[in-house]
């Protein structure tokens, strides 16, 4: 498992998010990744959408939720990430895609807590 750490406290740049997303796509292709968000105090809607929303839509919820683990994230950061994924899925795939993504995330969470 590879640990990727974000050391910035405030994440706002879509450009920076897109760069990290491209790196994660390559990493997730062959291994599990932990994304350490312990230092992150705030994340803009644009950053969350560009990184997490686009990631889920481009490689699929199943892959993201089974291979990517967010660690150290505060509740507000997790809420922003969740909101971005939900909004992106509603735009691109409708309610069925949101339901499927939530079911996938719940399975991944259950598996993580069982280990």
PDB file of N, CA and C in Angstrom:
ATOM      1  N   UNK A   1       0.851  -1.178   0.000  1.00  0.00           N
ATOM      2  CA  UNK A   1       0.000   0.000   0.000  1.00  0.00           C
ATOM      3  C   UNK A   1       0.896   1.240   0.000  1.00  0.00           C
ATOM      4  N   UNK A   2       0.570   2.162  -0.837  1.00  0.00           N
ATOM      5  CA  UNK A   2       1.310   3.408  -0.955  1.00  0.00           C
ATOM      6  C   UNK A   2       0.582   4.497  -0.177  1.00  0.00           C
ATOM      7  N   UNK A   3       1.315   5.287   0.577  1.00  0.00           N
ATOM      8  CA  UNK A   3       0.728   6.420   1.298  1.00  0.00           C
ATOM      9  C   UNK A   3       1.127   7.701   0.585  1.00  0.00           C
ATOM     10  N   UNK A   4       0.130   8.462   0.147  1.00  0.00           N
ATOM     11  CA  UNK A   4       0.324   9.757  -0.501  1.00  0.00           C
ATOM     12  C   UNK A   4      -0.151  10.815   0.495  1.00  0.00           C
ATOM     13  N   UNK A   5       0.695  11.780   0.817  1.00  0.00           N
ATOM     14  CA  UNK A   5       0.363  12.800   1.807  1.00  0.00           C
ATOM     15  C   UNK A   5       0.161  14.144   1.136  1.00  0.00           C
ATOM     16  N   UNK A   6      -0.918  14.816   1.515  1.00  0.00           N
ATOM     17  CA  UNK A   6      -1.137  16.193   1.085  1.00  0.00           C
ATOM     18  C   UNK A   6      -0.761  17.069   2.267  1.00  0.00           C
ATOM     19  N   UNK A   7       0.234  17.915   2.074  1.00  0.00           N
ATOM     20  CA  UNK A   7       0.744  18.702   3.193  1.00  0.00           C
ATOM     21  C   UNK A   7       0.171  20.116   3.264  1.00  0.00           C
ATOM     22  N   UNK A   8      -0.544  20.542   2.240  1.00  0.00           N
ATOM     23  CA  UNK A   8      -1.128  21.881   2.253  1.00  0.00           C
ATOM     24  C   UNK A   8      -2.347  21.912   3.178  1.00  0.00           C
ATOM     25  N   UNK A   9      -2.560  23.037   3.840  1.00  0.00           N
ATOM     26  CA  UNK A   9      -3.688  23.172   4.760  1.00  0.00           C
ATOM     27  C   UNK A   9      -4.972  23.560   4.044  1.00  0.00           C
ATOM     28  N   UNK A  10      -4.855  24.373   2.998  1.00  0.00           N
ATOM     29  CA  UNK A  10      -6.034  24.856   2.273  1.00  0.00           C
ATOM     30  C   UNK A  10      -5.914  24.461   0.810  1.00  0.00           C
ATOM     31  N   UNK A  11      -6.859  23.661   0.356  1.00  0.00           N
ATOM     32  CA  UNK A  11      -6.833  23.172  -1.018  1.00  0.00           C
ATOM     33  C   UNK A  11      -7.897  23.896  -1.830  1.00  0.00           C
ATOM     34  N   UNK A  12      -7.466  24.599  -2.883  1.00  0.00           N
ATOM     35  CA  UNK A  12      -8.429  25.385  -3.648  1.00  0.00           C
ATOM     36  C   UNK A  12      -8.216  25.329  -5.157  1.00  0.00           C
ATOM     37  N   UNK A  13      -7.060  24.944  -5.624  1.00  0.00           N
ATOM     38  CA  UNK A  13      -6.724  25.026  -7.038  1.00  0.00           C
ATOM     39  C   UNK A  13      -7.200  23.807  -7.820  1.00  0.00           C
ATOM     40  N   UNK A  14      -8.076  24.043  -8.798  1.00  0.00           N
ATOM     41  CA  UNK A  14      -8.514  22.947  -9.671  1.00  0.00           C
ATOM     42  C   UNK A  14      -7.325  22.357 -10.421  1.00  0.00           C
ATOM     43  N   UNK A  15      -6.382  23.211 -10.812  1.00  0.00           N
ATOM     44  CA  UNK A  15      -5.213  22.750 -11.544  1.00  0.00           C
ATOM     45  C   UNK A  15      -4.407  21.764 -10.693  1.00  0.00           C
ATOM     46  N   UNK A  16      -4.176  22.103  -9.436  1.00  0.00           N
ATOM     47  CA  UNK A  16      -3.442  21.209  -8.536  1.00  0.00           C
ATOM     48  C   UNK A  16      -4.214  19.917  -8.303  1.00  0.00           C
ATOM     49  N   UNK A  17      -5.526  20.017  -8.192  1.00  0.00           N
ATOM     50  CA  UNK A  17      -6.361  18.829  -7.998  1.00  0.00           C
ATOM     51  C   UNK A  17      -6.295  17.920  -9.222  1.00  0.00           C
ATOM     52  N   UNK A  18      -6.320  18.505 -10.406  1.00  0.00           N
ATOM     53  CA  UNK A  18      -6.243  17.710 -11.638  1.00  0.00           C
ATOM     54  C   UNK A  18      -4.901  16.986 -11.727  1.00  0.00           C
ATOM     55  N   UNK A  19      -3.830  17.665 -11.331  1.00  0.00           N
ATOM     56  CA  UNK A  19      -2.505  17.041 -11.348  1.00  0.00           C
ATOM     57  C   UNK A  19      -2.460  15.842 -10.394  1.00  0.00           C
ATOM     58  N   UNK A  20      -2.992  16.015  -9.174  1.00  0.00           N
ATOM     59  CA  UNK A  20      -3.014  14.914  -8.209  1.00  0.00           C
ATOM     60  C   UNK A  20      -3.924  13.793  -8.698  1.00  0.00           C
ATOM     61  N   UNK A  21      -5.053  14.143  -9.297  1.00  0.00           N
ATOM     62  CA  UNK A  21      -5.971  13.119  -9.816  1.00  0.00           C
ATOM     63  C   UNK A  21      -5.277  12.250 -10.863  1.00  0.00           C
ATOM     64  N   UNK A  22      -4.543  12.865 -11.772  1.00  0.00           N
ATOM     65  CA  UNK A  22      -3.819  12.088 -12.794  1.00  0.00           C
ATOM     66  C   UNK A  22      -2.816  11.132 -12.131  1.00  0.00           C
ATOM     67  N   UNK A  23      -2.139  11.586 -11.087  1.00  0.00           N
ATOM     68  CA  UNK A  23      -1.203  10.721 -10.367  1.00  0.00           C
ATOM     69  C   UNK A  23      -1.943   9.556  -9.713  1.00  0.00           C
ATOM     70  N   UNK A  24      -3.091   9.865  -9.090  1.00  0.00           N
ATOM     71  CA  UNK A  24      -3.859   8.816  -8.423  1.00  0.00           C
ATOM     72  C   UNK A  24      -4.393   7.780  -9.407  1.00  0.00           C
ATOM     73  N   UNK A  25      -4.815   8.219 -10.576  1.00  0.00           N
ATOM     74  CA  UNK A  25      -5.302   7.275 -11.588  1.00  0.00           C
ATOM     75  C   UNK A  25      -4.216   6.260 -11.910  1.00  0.00           C
ATOM     76  N   UNK A  26      -2.992   6.732 -12.100  1.00  0.00           N
ATOM     77  CA  UNK A  26      -1.880   5.819 -12.390  1.00  0.00           C
ATOM     78  C   UNK A  26      -1.583   4.898 -11.208  1.00  0.00           C
ATOM     79  N   UNK A  27      -1.586   5.456 -10.001  1.00  0.00           N
ATOM     80  CA  UNK A  27      -1.279   4.652  -8.818  1.00  0.00           C
ATOM     81  C   UNK A  27      -2.355   3.613  -8.550  1.00  0.00           C
ATOM     82  N   UNK A  28      -3.608   3.992  -8.685  1.00  0.00           N
ATOM     83  CA  UNK A  28      -4.715   3.088  -8.383  1.00  0.00           C
ATOM     84  C   UNK A  28      -4.828   1.948  -9.386  1.00  0.00           C
ATOM     85  N   UNK A  29      -4.187   2.101 -10.526  1.00  0.00           N
ATOM     86  CA  UNK A  29      -4.232   1.060 -11.539  1.00  0.00           C
ATOM     87  C   UNK A  29      -3.549  -0.214 -11.060  1.00  0.00           C
ATOM     88  N   UNK A  30      -2.587  -0.086 -10.153  1.00  0.00           N
ATOM     89  CA  UNK A  30      -1.862  -1.272  -9.744  1.00  0.00           C
ATOM     90  C   UNK A  30      -1.755  -1.529  -8.262  1.00  0.00           C
ATOM     91  N   UNK A  31      -2.306  -0.639  -7.431  1.00  0.00           N
ATOM     92  CA  UNK A  31      -2.123  -0.835  -5.994  1.00  0.00           C
ATOM     93  C   UNK A  31      -3.151  -0.056  -5.187  1.00  0.00           C
ATOM     94  N   UNK A  32      -3.211  -0.381  -3.907  1.00  0.00           N
ATOM     95  CA  UNK A  32      -4.036   0.374  -2.981  1.00  0.00           C
ATOM     96  C   UNK A  32      -3.276   1.619  -2.560  1.00  0.00           C
ATOM     97  N   UNK A  33      -4.007   2.697  -2.325  1.00  0.00           N
ATOM     98  CA  UNK A  33      -3.394   3.967  -1.966  1.00  0.00           C
ATOM     99  C   UNK A  33      -4.107   4.549  -0.757  1.00  0.00           C
ATOM    100  N   UNK A  34      -3.325   5.014   0.215  1.00  0.00           N
ATOM    101  CA  UNK A  34      -3.867   5.790   1.323  1.00  0.00           C
ATOM    102  C   UNK A  34      -3.537   7.249   1.057  1.00  0.00           C
ATOM    103  N   UNK A  35      -4.543   8.097   1.092  1.00  0.00           N
ATOM    104  CA  UNK A  35      -4.357   9.525   0.896  1.00  0.00           C
ATOM    105  C   UNK A  35      -4.495  10.191   2.255  1.00  0.00           C
ATOM    106  N   UNK A  36      -3.378  10.676   2.777  1.00  0.00           N
ATOM    107  CA  UNK A  36      -3.346  11.275   4.104  1.00  0.00           C
ATOM    108  C   UNK A  36      -3.734  12.752   4.011  1.00  0.00           C
ATOM    109  N   UNK A  37      -4.877  13.071   4.584  1.00  0.00           N
ATOM    110  CA  UNK A  37      -5.410  14.438   4.569  1.00  0.00           C
ATOM    111  C   UNK A  37      -5.345  15.088   5.945  1.00  0.00           C
ATOM    112  N   UNK A  38      -4.471  14.592   6.805  1.00  0.00           N
ATOM    113  CA  UNK A  38      -4.376  15.100   8.175  1.00  0.00           C
ATOM    114  C   UNK A  38      -4.086  16.589   8.255  1.00  0.00           C
ATOM    115  N   UNK A  39      -3.282  17.105   7.353  1.00  0.00           N
ATOM    116  CA  UNK A  39      -2.900  18.522   7.389  1.00  0.00           C
ATOM    117  C   UNK A  39      -3.938  19.444   6.757  1.00  0.00           C
ATOM    118  N   UNK A  40      -4.890  18.871   6.042  1.00  0.00           N
ATOM    119  CA  UNK A  40      -5.867  19.679   5.298  1.00  0.00           C
ATOM    120  C   UNK A  40      -6.931  20.229   6.245  1.00  0.00           C
ATOM    121  N   UNK A  41      -7.036  21.545   6.265  1.00  0.00           N
ATOM    122  CA  UNK A  41      -8.043  22.217   7.102  1.00  0.00           C
ATOM    123  C   UNK A  41      -9.292  22.569   6.304  1.00  0.00           C
ATOM    124  N   UNK A  42      -9.114  22.902   5.009  1.00  0.00           N
ATOM    125  CA  UNK A  42     -10.265  23.237   4.168  1.00  0.00           C
ATOM    126  C   UNK A  42      -9.994  22.809   2.735  1.00  0.00           C
ATOM    127  N   UNK A  43     -11.075  22.515   2.044  1.00  0.00           N
ATOM    128  CA  UNK A  43     -10.997  22.085   0.654  1.00  0.00           C
ATOM    129  C   UNK A  43     -12.135  22.774  -0.097  1.00  0.00           C
ATOM    130  N   UNK A  44     -11.804  23.438  -1.183  1.00  0.00           N
ATOM    131  CA  UNK A  44     -12.837  24.152  -1.943  1.00  0.00           C
ATOM    132  C   UNK A  44     -13.703  23.153  -2.707  1.00  0.00           C
ATOM    133  N   UNK A  45     -14.897  23.601  -3.076  1.00  0.00           N
ATOM    134  CA  UNK A  45     -15.783  22.748  -3.870  1.00  0.00           C
ATOM    135  C   UNK A  45     -15.131  22.377  -5.190  1.00  0.00           C
ATOM    136  N   UNK A  46     -14.436  23.342  -5.799  1.00  0.00           N
ATOM    137  CA  UNK A  46     -13.777  23.083  -7.072  1.00  0.00           C
ATOM    138  C   UNK A  46     -12.681  22.037  -6.959  1.00  0.00           C
ATOM    139  N   UNK A  47     -11.870  22.124  -5.911  1.00  0.00           N
ATOM    140  CA  UNK A  47     -10.792  21.152  -5.700  1.00  0.00           C
ATOM    141  C   UNK A  47     -11.394  19.766  -5.460  1.00  0.00           C
ATOM    142  N   UNK A  48     -12.382  19.701  -4.571  1.00  0.00           N
ATOM    143  CA  UNK A  48     -13.009  18.412  -4.256  1.00  0.00           C
ATOM    144  C   UNK A  48     -13.641  17.791  -5.496  1.00  0.00           C
ATOM    145  N   UNK A  49     -14.292  18.612  -6.307  1.00  0.00           N
ATOM    146  CA  UNK A  49     -14.913  18.101  -7.529  1.00  0.00           C
ATOM    147  C   UNK A  49     -13.846  17.609  -8.507  1.00  0.00           C
ATOM    148  N   UNK A  50     -12.824  18.423  -8.734  1.00  0.00           N
ATOM    149  CA  UNK A  50     -11.797  18.074  -9.722  1.00  0.00           C
ATOM    150  C   UNK A  50     -11.026  16.820  -9.312  1.00  0.00           C
ATOM    151  N   UNK A  51     -10.760  16.671  -8.034  1.00  0.00           N
ATOM    152  CA  UNK A  51     -10.023  15.495  -7.587  1.00  0.00           C
ATOM    153  C   UNK A  51     -10.935  14.285  -7.423  1.00  0.00           C
ATOM    154  N   UNK A  52     -11.914  14.383  -6.556  1.00  0.00           N
ATOM    155  CA  UNK A  52     -12.708  13.217  -6.195  1.00  0.00           C
ATOM    156  C   UNK A  52     -13.897  12.963  -7.117  1.00  0.00           C
ATOM    157  N   UNK A  53     -14.630  14.025  -7.466  1.00  0.00           N
ATOM    158  CA  UNK A  53     -15.776  13.852  -8.355  1.00  0.00           C
ATOM    159  C   UNK A  53     -15.362  13.316  -9.711  1.00  0.00           C
ATOM    160  N   UNK A  54     -14.368  13.950 -10.313  1.00  0.00           N
ATOM    161  CA  UNK A  54     -13.892  13.513 -11.627  1.00  0.00           C
ATOM    162  C   UNK A  54     -13.229  12.137 -11.528  1.00  0.00           C
ATOM    163  N   UNK A  55     -12.507  11.873 -10.457  1.00  0.00           N
ATOM    164  CA  UNK A  55     -11.865  10.572 -10.270  1.00  0.00           C
ATOM    165  C   UNK A  55     -12.891   9.440 -10.269  1.00  0.00           C
ATOM    166  N   UNK A  56     -13.940   9.594  -9.496  1.00  0.00           N
ATOM    167  CA  UNK A  56     -14.975   8.561  -9.422  1.00  0.00           C
ATOM    168  C   UNK A  56     -15.644   8.361 -10.781  1.00  0.00           C
ATOM    169  N   UNK A  57     -15.901   9.453 -11.481  1.00  0.00           N
ATOM    170  CA  UNK A  57     -16.555   9.334 -12.782  1.00  0.00           C
ATOM    171  C   UNK A  57     -15.624   8.772 -13.852  1.00  0.00           C
ATOM    172  N   UNK A  58     -14.339   9.032 -13.737  1.00  0.00           N
ATOM    173  CA  UNK A  58     -13.424   8.580 -14.792  1.00  0.00           C
ATOM    174  C   UNK A  58     -12.969   7.136 -14.621  1.00  0.00           C
ATOM    175  N   UNK A  59     -12.727   6.694 -13.407  1.00  0.00           N
ATOM    176  CA  UNK A  59     -12.249   5.315 -13.221  1.00  0.00           C
ATOM    177  C   UNK A  59     -13.293   4.406 -12.577  1.00  0.00           C
ATOM    178  N   UNK A  60     -14.362   4.975 -12.078  1.00  0.00           N
ATOM    179  CA  UNK A  60     -15.433   4.173 -11.507  1.00  0.00           C
ATOM    180  C   UNK A  60     -15.418   4.135  -9.990  1.00  0.00           C
ATOM    181  N   UNK A  61     -16.603   4.154  -9.432  1.00  0.00           N
ATOM    182  CA  UNK A  61     -16.753   4.156  -7.983  1.00  0.00           C
ATOM    183  C   UNK A  61     -16.189   2.887  -7.354  1.00  0.00           C
ATOM    184  N   UNK A  62     -16.401   1.759  -8.012  1.00  0.00           N
ATOM    185  CA  UNK A  62     -15.930   0.482  -7.462  1.00  0.00           C
ATOM    186  C   UNK A  62     -14.418   0.505  -7.245  1.00  0.00           C
ATOM    187  N   UNK A  63     -13.674   0.951  -8.251  1.00  0.00           N
ATOM    188  CA  UNK A  63     -12.220   1.000  -8.134  1.00  0.00           C
ATOM    189  C   UNK A  63     -11.786   2.000  -7.068  1.00  0.00           C
ATOM    190  N   UNK A  64     -12.368   3.195  -7.100  1.00  0.00           N
ATOM    191  CA  UNK A  64     -11.969   4.233  -6.144  1.00  0.00           C
ATOM    192  C   UNK A  64     -12.253   3.788  -4.711  1.00  0.00           C
ATOM    193  N   UNK A  65     -13.447   3.304  -4.455  1.00  0.00           N
ATOM    194  CA  UNK A  65     -13.805   2.967  -3.082  1.00  0.00           C
ATOM    195  C   UNK A  65     -13.145   1.680  -2.593  1.00  0.00           C
ATOM    196  N   UNK A  66     -12.665   0.849  -3.508  1.00  0.00           N
ATOM    197  CA  UNK A  66     -11.979  -0.366  -3.067  1.00  0.00           C
ATOM    198  C   UNK A  66     -10.473  -0.169  -2.920  1.00  0.00           C
ATOM    199  N   UNK A  67      -9.906   0.798  -3.634  1.00  0.00           N
ATOM    200  CA  UNK A  67      -8.453   0.973  -3.629  1.00  0.00           C
ATOM    201  C   UNK A  67      -7.956   2.228  -2.924  1.00  0.00           C
ATOM    202  N   UNK A  68      -8.785   3.247  -2.795  1.00  0.00           N
ATOM    203  CA  UNK A  68      -8.356   4.516  -2.209  1.00  0.00           C
ATOM    204  C   UNK A  68      -8.944   4.673  -0.812  1.00  0.00           C
ATOM    205  N   UNK A  69      -8.067   4.884   0.153  1.00  0.00           N
ATOM    206  CA  UNK A  69      -8.502   5.094   1.536  1.00  0.00           C
ATOM    207  C   UNK A  69      -8.066   6.486   1.962  1.00  0.00           C
ATOM    208  N   UNK A  70      -9.004   7.281   2.446  1.00  0.00           N
ATOM    209  CA  UNK A  70      -8.698   8.613   2.961  1.00  0.00           C
ATOM    210  C   UNK A  70      -8.440   8.475   4.454  1.00  0.00           C
ATOM    211  N   UNK A  71      -7.298   8.995   4.895  1.00  0.00           N
ATOM    212  CA  UNK A  71      -6.980   8.911   6.311  1.00  0.00           C
ATOM    213  C   UNK A  71      -6.731  10.313   6.870  1.00  0.00           C
ATOM    214  N   UNK A  72      -7.109  10.499   8.115  1.00  0.00           N
ATOM    215  CA  UNK A  72      -6.846  11.750   8.811  1.00  0.00           C
ATOM    216  C   UNK A  72      -7.702  12.926   8.386  1.00  0.00           C
ATOM    217  N   UNK A  73      -8.712  12.703   7.580  1.00  0.00           N
ATOM    218  CA  UNK A  73      -9.540  13.808   7.092  1.00  0.00           C
ATOM    219  C   UNK A  73     -10.534  14.249   8.155  1.00  0.00           C
ATOM    220  N   UNK A  74     -10.686  15.556   8.285  1.00  0.00           N
ATOM    221  CA  UNK A  74     -11.660  16.105   9.229  1.00  0.00           C
ATOM    222  C   UNK A  74     -13.074  15.922   8.672  1.00  0.00           C
ATOM    223  N   UNK A  75     -14.057  16.054   9.527  1.00  0.00           N
ATOM    224  CA  UNK A  75     -15.450  15.924   9.099  1.00  0.00           C
ATOM    225  C   UNK A  75     -15.809  16.925   8.005  1.00  0.00           C
ATOM    226  N   UNK A  76     -15.460  18.224   8.132  1.00  0.00           N
ATOM    227  CA  UNK A  76     -15.786  19.158   7.045  1.00  0.00           C
ATOM    228  C   UNK A  76     -15.138  18.790   5.711  1.00  0.00           C
ATOM    229  N   UNK A  77     -13.911  18.299   5.742  1.00  0.00           N
ATOM    230  CA  UNK A  77     -13.244  17.890   4.501  1.00  0.00           C
ATOM    231  C   UNK A  77     -13.967  16.692   3.895  1.00  0.00           C
ATOM    232  N   UNK A  78     -14.297  15.703   4.715  1.00  0.00           N
ATOM    233  CA  UNK A  78     -15.031  14.539   4.214  1.00  0.00           C
ATOM    234  C   UNK A  78     -16.395  14.928   3.665  1.00  0.00           C
ATOM    235  N   UNK A  79     -17.053  15.867   4.301  1.00  0.00           N
ATOM    236  CA  UNK A  79     -18.346  16.331   3.794  1.00  0.00           C
ATOM    237  C   UNK A  79     -18.198  16.981   2.425  1.00  0.00           C
ATOM    238  N   UNK A  80     -17.158  17.763   2.231  1.00  0.00           N
ATOM    239  CA  UNK A  80     -16.911  18.389   0.930  1.00  0.00           C
ATOM    240  C   UNK A  80     -16.634  17.336  -0.136  1.00  0.00           C
ATOM    241  N   UNK A  81     -15.853  16.332   0.210  1.00  0.00           N
ATOM    242  CA  UNK A  81     -15.543  15.260  -0.730  1.00  0.00           C
ATOM    243  C   UNK A  81     -16.811  14.507  -1.109  1.00  0.00           C
ATOM    244  N   UNK A  82     -17.607  14.156  -0.113  1.00  0.00           N
ATOM    245  CA  UNK A  82     -18.851  13.432  -0.359  1.00  0.00           C
ATOM    246  C   UNK A  82     -19.794  14.243  -1.225  1.00  0.00           C
ATOM    247  N   UNK A  83     -19.934  15.509  -0.920  1.00  0.00           N
ATOM    248  CA  UNK A  83     -20.814  16.395  -1.693  1.00  0.00           C
ATOM    249  C   UNK A  83     -20.348  16.486  -3.148  1.00  0.00           C
ATOM    250  N   UNK A  84     -19.045  16.600  -3.351  1.00  0.00           N
ATOM    251  CA  UNK A  84     -18.508  16.705  -4.716  1.00  0.00           C
ATOM    252  C   UNK A  84     -18.782  15.431  -5.518  1.00  0.00           C
ATOM    253  N   UNK A  85     -18.579  14.285  -4.899  1.00  0.00           N
ATOM    254  CA  UNK A  85     -18.833  13.018  -5.593  1.00  0.00           C
ATOM    255  C   UNK A  85     -20.310  12.887  -5.919  1.00  0.00           C
ATOM    256  N   UNK A  86     -21.156  13.184  -4.952  1.00  0.00           N
ATOM    257  CA  UNK A  86     -22.599  13.072  -5.163  1.00  0.00           C
ATOM    258  C   UNK A  86     -23.064  13.997  -6.288  1.00  0.00           C
ATOM    259  N   UNK A  87     -22.619  15.252  -6.276  1.00  0.00           N
ATOM    260  CA  UNK A  87     -23.031  16.200  -7.312  1.00  0.00           C
ATOM    261  C   UNK A  87     -22.523  15.777  -8.684  1.00  0.00           C
ATOM    262  N   UNK A  88     -21.289  15.329  -8.758  1.00  0.00           N
ATOM    263  CA  UNK A  88     -20.731  14.901 -10.044  1.00  0.00           C
ATOM    264  C   UNK A  88     -21.488  13.696 -10.587  1.00  0.00           C
ATOM    265  N   UNK A  89     -21.817  12.731  -9.729  1.00  0.00           N
ATOM    266  CA  UNK A  89     -22.550  11.550 -10.171  1.00  0.00           C
ATOM    267  C   UNK A  89     -23.973  11.903 -10.597  1.00  0.00           C
ATOM    268  N   UNK A  90     -24.587  12.846  -9.913  1.00  0.00           N
ATOM    269  CA  UNK A  90     -25.932  13.265 -10.306  1.00  0.00           C
ATOM    270  C   UNK A  90     -25.923  13.905 -11.681  1.00  0.00           C
ATOM    271  N   UNK A  91     -24.882  14.668 -11.976  1.00  0.00           N
ATOM    272  CA  UNK A  91     -24.776  15.328 -13.277  1.00  0.00           C
ATOM    273  C   UNK A  91     -24.517  14.305 -14.378  1.00  0.00           C
ATOM    274  N   UNK A  92     -23.623  13.367 -14.118  1.00  0.00           N
ATOM    275  CA  UNK A  92     -23.190  12.457 -15.175  1.00  0.00           C
ATOM    276  C   UNK A  92     -23.987  11.167 -15.265  1.00  0.00           C
ATOM    277  N   UNK A  93     -24.521  10.713 -14.137  1.00  0.00           N
ATOM    278  CA  UNK A  93     -25.133   9.394 -14.183  1.00  0.00           C
ATOM    279  C   UNK A  93     -26.524   9.291 -13.610  1.00  0.00           C
ATOM    280  N   UNK A  94     -27.043  10.342 -13.043  1.00  0.00           N
ATOM    281  CA  UNK A  94     -28.375  10.297 -12.465  1.00  0.00           C
ATOM    282  C   UNK A  94     -28.408   9.624 -11.107  1.00  0.00           C
ATOM    283  N   UNK A  95     -29.614   9.465 -10.588  1.00  0.00           N
ATOM    284  CA  UNK A  95     -29.809   8.937  -9.238  1.00  0.00           C
ATOM    285  C   UNK A  95     -29.289   7.517  -9.093  1.00  0.00           C
ATOM    286  N   UNK A  96     -29.414   6.698 -10.133  1.00  0.00           N
ATOM    287  CA  UNK A  96     -28.931   5.323 -10.057  1.00  0.00           C
ATOM    288  C   UNK A  96     -27.446   5.252  -9.801  1.00  0.00           C
ATOM    289  N   UNK A  97     -26.692   6.148 -10.423  1.00  0.00           N
ATOM    290  CA  UNK A  97     -25.244   6.168 -10.225  1.00  0.00           C
ATOM    291  C   UNK A  97     -24.907   6.563  -8.798  1.00  0.00           C
ATOM    292  N   UNK A  98     -25.654   7.494  -8.235  1.00  0.00           N
ATOM    293  CA  UNK A  98     -25.423   7.911  -6.851  1.00  0.00           C
ATOM    294  C   UNK A  98     -25.715   6.751  -5.916  1.00  0.00           C
ATOM    295  N   UNK A  99     -26.831   6.057  -6.121  1.00  0.00           N
ATOM    296  CA  UNK A  99     -27.178   4.914  -5.282  1.00  0.00           C
ATOM    297  C   UNK A  99     -26.108   3.825  -5.362  1.00  0.00           C
ATOM    298  N   UNK A 100     -25.625   3.554  -6.578  1.00  0.00           N
ATOM    299  CA  UNK A 100     -24.598   2.539  -6.761  1.00  0.00           C
ATOM    300  C   UNK A 100     -23.304   2.947  -6.070  1.00  0.00           C
ATOM    301  N   UNK A 101     -22.923   4.208  -6.199  1.00  0.00           N
ATOM    302  CA  UNK A 101     -21.695   4.686  -5.557  1.00  0.00           C
ATOM    303  C   UNK A 101     -21.808   4.609  -4.043  1.00  0.00           C
ATOM    304  N   UNK A 102     -22.954   4.977  -3.496  1.00  0.00           N
ATOM    305  CA  UNK A 102     -23.134   4.905  -2.048  1.00  0.00           C
ATOM    306  C   UNK A 102     -23.083   3.461  -1.557  1.00  0.00           C
ATOM    307  N   UNK A 103     -23.684   2.546  -2.298  1.00  0.00           N
ATOM    308  CA  UNK A 103     -23.634   1.132  -1.924  1.00  0.00           C
ATOM    309  C   UNK A 103     -22.197   0.617  -1.969  1.00  0.00           C
ATOM    310  N   UNK A 104     -21.449   1.018  -2.979  1.00  0.00           N
ATOM    311  CA  UNK A 104     -20.046   0.615  -3.105  1.00  0.00           C
ATOM    312  C   UNK A 104     -19.227   1.160  -1.945  1.00  0.00           C
ATOM    313  N   UNK A 105     -19.452   2.440  -1.608  1.00  0.00           N
ATOM    314  CA  UNK A 105     -18.729   3.052  -0.490  1.00  0.00           C
ATOM    315  C   UNK A 105     -19.055   2.354   0.827  1.00  0.00           C
ATOM    316  N   UNK A 106     -20.311   1.980   1.016  1.00  0.00           N
ATOM    317  CA  UNK A 106     -20.702   1.286   2.245  1.00  0.00           C
ATOM    318  C   UNK A 106     -20.022  -0.079   2.342  1.00  0.00           C
ATOM    319  N   UNK A 107     -19.934  -0.795   1.217  1.00  0.00           N
ATOM    320  CA  UNK A 107     -19.243  -2.089   1.218  1.00  0.00           C
ATOM    321  C   UNK A 107     -17.765  -1.905   1.554  1.00  0.00           C
ATOM    322  N   UNK A 108     -17.153  -0.880   0.963  1.00  0.00           N
ATOM    323  CA  UNK A 108     -15.734  -0.625   1.220  1.00  0.00           C
ATOM    324  C   UNK A 108     -15.503  -0.268   2.686  1.00  0.00           C
ATOM    325  N   UNK A 109     -16.391   0.526   3.253  1.00  0.00           N
ATOM    326  CA  UNK A 109     -16.269   0.903   4.660  1.00  0.00           C
ATOM    327  C   UNK A 109     -16.450  -0.316   5.560  1.00  0.00           C
ATOM    328  N   UNK A 110     -17.407  -1.156   5.237  1.00  0.00           N
ATOM    329  CA  UNK A 110     -17.635  -2.369   6.031  1.00  0.00           C
ATOM    330  C   UNK A 110     -16.417  -3.289   5.981  1.00  0.00           C
ATOM    331  N   UNK A 111     -15.809  -3.409   4.800  1.00  0.00           N
ATOM    332  CA  UNK A 111     -14.621  -4.252   4.653  1.00  0.00           C
ATOM    333  C   UNK A 111     -13.439  -3.666   5.429  1.00  0.00           C
ATOM    334  N   UNK A 112     -13.307  -2.344   5.404  1.00  0.00           N
ATOM    335  CA  UNK A 112     -12.196  -1.695   6.098  1.00  0.00           C
ATOM    336  C   UNK A 112     -12.327  -1.848   7.605  1.00  0.00           C
ATOM    337  N   UNK A 113     -13.542  -1.754   8.125  1.00  0.00           N
ATOM    338  CA  UNK A 113     -13.731  -1.867   9.566  1.00  0.00           C
ATOM    339  C   UNK A 113     -13.650  -3.315  10.032  1.00  0.00           C
ATOM    340  N   UNK A 114     -13.881  -4.266   9.121  1.00  0.00           N
ATOM    341  CA  UNK A 114     -13.795  -5.680   9.486  1.00  0.00           C
ATOM    342  C   UNK A 114     -12.357  -6.138   9.618  1.00  0.00           C
ATOM    343  N   UNK A 115     -11.433  -5.427   8.947  1.00  0.00           N
ATOM    344  CA  UNK A 115     -10.003  -5.833   8.974  1.00  0.00           C
ATOM    345  C   UNK A 115      -9.302  -5.363  10.197  1.00  0.00           C
TER     346      UNK A 115
END
